[in-house]
Protein backbone atom coordinates (compact mmCIF):
# COMPACT_ATOMS: atom_id res chain seq x y z
CA UNK A 1 -0.02 0.10 0.08
CA UNK A 2 1.25 3.53 -0.84
CA UNK A 3 1.14 6.63 1.40
CA UNK A 4 -1.53 9.05 0.16
CA UNK A 5 1.34 11.42 -0.78
CA UNK A 6 3.28 8.91 -2.79
CA UNK A 7 0.70 9.16 -5.77
CA UNK A 8 -1.21 6.20 -7.25
CA UNK A 9 -0.25 2.54 -6.73
CA UNK A 10 1.62 1.13 -9.68
CA UNK A 11 -0.12 -2.06 -10.88
CA UNK A 12 1.64 -4.60 -13.31
CA UNK A 13 -0.03 -4.50 -16.81
CA UNK A 14 -0.56 -8.15 -16.70
CA UNK A 15 -3.19 -7.79 -13.99
CA UNK A 16 -5.47 -6.10 -16.69
CA UNK A 17 -7.62 -7.57 -19.26
CA UNK A 18 -8.85 -11.12 -19.79
CA UNK A 19 -7.64 -14.05 -18.21
CA UNK A 20 -4.91 -16.12 -20.00
CA UNK A 21 -6.45 -18.36 -22.63
CA UNK A 22 -5.56 -19.56 -26.08
CA UNK A 23 -7.84 -16.83 -27.53
CA UNK A 24 -6.59 -13.85 -29.51
CA UNK A 25 -8.64 -10.50 -29.16
CA UNK A 26 -9.45 -8.10 -32.04
CA UNK A 27 -10.36 -5.00 -30.18
CA UNK A 28 -13.15 -2.87 -32.12
CA UNK A 29 -13.87 0.05 -29.59
CA UNK A 30 -15.15 2.24 -32.61
CA UNK A 31 -18.15 -0.36 -32.84
CA UNK A 32 -19.42 0.83 -29.21
CA UNK A 33 -20.86 4.21 -30.65
CA UNK A 34 -23.14 2.12 -33.08
CA UNK A 35 -24.13 -0.54 -30.41
CA UNK A 36 -24.83 2.35 -27.82
CA UNK A 37 -26.91 4.23 -30.55
CA UNK A 38 -24.69 7.35 -30.44
CA UNK A 39 -25.29 8.20 -34.20
CA UNK A 40 -28.99 7.42 -34.23
CA UNK A 41 -31.26 10.46 -34.68
CA UNK A 42 -32.84 11.67 -31.48
CA UNK A 43 -36.29 11.78 -33.33
CA UNK A 44 -37.60 11.08 -36.63
CA UNK A 45 -37.67 14.60 -38.07
CA UNK A 46 -35.50 15.65 -40.92
CA UNK A 47 -33.63 17.96 -38.60
CA UNK A 48 -32.46 14.97 -36.82
CA UNK A 49 -31.77 12.86 -39.63
CA UNK A 50 -27.97 12.14 -40.86
CA UNK A 51 -29.04 11.16 -44.13
CA UNK A 52 -30.80 14.52 -44.67
CA UNK A 53 -27.58 16.36 -43.34
CA UNK A 54 -24.94 14.33 -45.32
CA UNK A 55 -25.85 15.62 -48.80
CA UNK A 56 -25.69 19.28 -47.60
CA UNK A 57 -22.05 18.77 -46.64
CA UNK A 58 -18.69 17.58 -48.34
CA UNK A 59 -18.91 14.35 -50.20
CA UNK A 60 -15.54 13.04 -48.97
CA UNK A 61 -16.41 13.93 -45.41
CA UNK A 62 -20.04 12.46 -45.62
CA UNK A 63 -18.56 9.42 -47.41
CA UNK A 64 -20.90 10.15 -50.48
CA UNK A 65 -19.80 8.12 -53.37
CA UNK A 66 -22.16 9.54 -56.19
CA UNK A 67 -25.26 11.93 -56.52
CA UNK A 68 -28.06 11.90 -58.76
CA UNK A 69 -31.11 14.22 -59.31
CA UNK A 70 -33.28 12.68 -56.73
CA UNK A 71 -31.01 10.04 -54.82
CA UNK A 72 -27.53 9.80 -53.67
CA UNK A 73 -25.12 6.66 -52.86
CA UNK A 74 -23.14 7.00 -49.69
CA UNK A 75 -20.93 4.45 -47.83
CA UNK A 76 -22.46 2.67 -44.62
CA UNK A 77 -20.65 4.18 -41.70
CA UNK A 78 -20.99 0.73 -40.02
CA UNK A 79 -20.53 -1.69 -42.91
CA UNK A 80 -21.18 -5.46 -42.95
CA UNK A 81 -18.47 -5.65 -45.75
CA UNK A 82 -16.09 -3.43 -47.53
CA UNK A 83 -17.80 -1.26 -50.21
CA UNK A 84 -21.18 -1.68 -48.38
CA UNK A 85 -23.06 1.26 -50.00
CA UNK A 86 -26.58 2.57 -49.33
CA UNK A 87 -28.61 4.36 -52.10
CA UNK A 88 -31.25 6.74 -50.66
CA UNK A 89 -33.47 9.64 -51.77
CA UNK A 90 -32.53 12.99 -50.79
CA UNK A 91 -36.00 13.57 -49.55
CA UNK A 92 -36.90 12.49 -46.14
CA UNK A 93 -39.21 9.72 -46.67
CA UNK A 94 -39.78 6.53 -44.75
CA UNK A 95 -41.80 4.14 -46.57
CA UNK A 96 -41.15 2.66 -50.16
CA UNK A 97 -44.53 3.40 -51.45
CA UNK A 98 -44.25 6.99 -50.67
CA UNK A 99 -41.56 7.41 -53.17
CA UNK A 100 -42.21 9.51 -56.17
CA UNK A 101 -42.00 7.70 -59.63
CA UNK A 102 -38.85 9.57 -60.26
CA UNK A 103 -37.26 8.71 -57.10
CA UNK A 104 -38.33 4.91 -57.38
CA UNK A 105 -36.66 4.78 -60.94
CA UNK A 106 -33.37 6.53 -59.85
CA UNK A 107 -33.11 4.57 -56.68
CA UNK A 108 -33.19 1.14 -58.89
CA UNK A 109 -30.91 2.78 -61.39
CA UNK A 110 -28.47 3.93 -58.77
CA UNK A 111 -28.62 0.54 -57.09
CA UNK A 112 -27.71 -1.26 -60.45
CA UNK A 113 -24.96 1.25 -61.08
CA UNK A 114 -23.69 0.62 -57.56
CA UNK A 115 -23.46 -2.98 -58.22
CA UNK A 116 -21.59 -2.53 -61.51
CA UNK A 117 -19.17 -0.13 -59.77
CA UNK A 118 -18.37 -2.36 -56.83
CA UNK A 119 -17.97 -5.39 -59.06
CA UNK A 120 -15.36 -3.43 -61.30
CA UNK A 121 -13.58 -2.23 -58.22
CA UNK A 122 -13.75 -5.05 -55.66
CA UNK A 123 -14.89 -8.12 -57.72
CA UNK A 124 -17.28 -9.79 -55.36
CA UNK A 125 -19.00 -12.88 -56.06
CA UNK A 126 -22.61 -11.84 -55.18
CA UNK A 127 -24.52 -8.98 -53.30
CA UNK A 128 -27.21 -8.81 -50.65
CA UNK A 129 -29.63 -5.87 -51.70
CA UNK A 130 -32.37 -4.76 -49.17
CA UNK A 131 -34.54 -2.25 -47.38
CA UNK A 132 -35.62 -2.65 -43.79
CA UNK A 133 -39.00 -0.88 -43.67
CA UNK A 134 -39.56 0.02 -40.07
CA UNK A 135 -37.55 -0.20 -36.73
CA UNK A 136 -39.30 -3.59 -36.09
CA UNK A 137 -37.93 -4.82 -39.37
CA UNK A 138 -34.35 -3.82 -38.35
CA UNK A 139 -34.01 -0.33 -39.84
CA UNK A 140 -31.24 1.52 -38.10
CA UNK A 141 -32.72 4.78 -39.07
CA UNK A 142 -36.26 3.81 -40.02
CA UNK A 143 -37.33 7.50 -40.59
CA UNK A 144 -35.28 7.86 -44.08
CA UNK A 145 -35.50 5.11 -46.55
CA UNK A 146 -32.28 3.44 -47.51
CA UNK A 147 -31.38 0.61 -49.92
CA UNK A 148 -28.31 -1.54 -48.87
CA UNK A 149 -25.88 -2.77 -51.40
CA UNK A 150 -23.65 -5.34 -49.59
CA UNK A 151 -21.10 -7.09 -51.80
CA UNK A 152 -20.29 -10.62 -50.79
CA UNK A 153 -17.30 -13.01 -51.14
CA UNK A 154 -16.89 -16.62 -50.69
CA UNK A 155 -16.17 -17.25 -47.04
CA UNK A 156 -16.78 -13.71 -45.93
CA UNK A 157 -19.05 -14.81 -43.05
CA UNK A 158 -16.30 -16.12 -40.81
CA UNK A 159 -15.98 -16.91 -37.09
CA UNK A 160 -15.70 -13.28 -36.09
CA UNK A 161 -19.27 -12.15 -36.53
CA UNK A 162 -20.58 -15.53 -35.17
CA UNK A 163 -18.25 -15.95 -32.16
CA UNK A 164 -17.16 -12.39 -31.25
CA UNK A 165 -19.85 -10.29 -32.91
CA UNK A 166 -17.08 -8.29 -34.58
CA UNK A 167 -16.43 -7.57 -38.36
CA UNK A 168 -13.20 -7.29 -39.73
CA UNK A 169 -12.70 -4.92 -42.59
CA UNK A 170 -9.53 -4.68 -44.68
CA UNK A 171 -9.95 -1.12 -45.77
CA UNK A 172 -10.49 2.40 -44.16
CA UNK A 173 -13.95 3.98 -45.25
CA UNK A 174 -12.09 6.94 -46.77
CA UNK A 175 -10.09 4.68 -49.22
CA UNK A 176 -13.25 2.80 -50.28
CA UNK A 177 -15.03 6.12 -51.02
CA UNK A 178 -12.21 7.33 -52.98
CA UNK A 179 -11.96 4.27 -55.04
CA UNK A 180 -15.69 3.77 -55.74
CA UNK A 181 -16.25 7.37 -56.42
CA UNK A 182 -13.49 7.51 -59.02
CA UNK A 183 -14.88 4.44 -60.70
CA UNK A 184 -18.62 5.79 -60.70
CA UNK A 185 -19.54 6.66 -64.25
CA UNK A 186 -20.92 10.40 -64.58
CA UNK A 187 -23.58 9.61 -67.15
């Protein structure tokens, strides 16, 4: 024990952390903000919606890959895989049936373009496409419709998500955004 004026007691580093075992740990503390809901909107209004704020900012900072007249493509901040994009309307709308004809058409066309660009840059073996309509259906931000475009490779669902609830991603989001934006056709 130390005297109060001697400062804190020095504790060996090996007294911290998990007990010794045969497991290696991949620490992903950046995921805690997602788990804790830190980046989720406080309410369903456009003023609280990150998908409404992103297009008003810089494409690089907002991870915007491409823009259309009615929709835009953005990287998922918490991706399932590298190059996980979302295609969404600029307009704050939650239900697929409430899209205008122009939004529906551009959402579909931009999803196709996203698949072509991701194929050209990353050569995935397949894709998962989907919209979670409503919080009960798994929408992280239910107030603003978004179409997920998730590239898939053989064996990409490995032990980490199953055992450790952790996803290993081999590339930084800024690098992914740069590669996809450079390959995105302008016409």
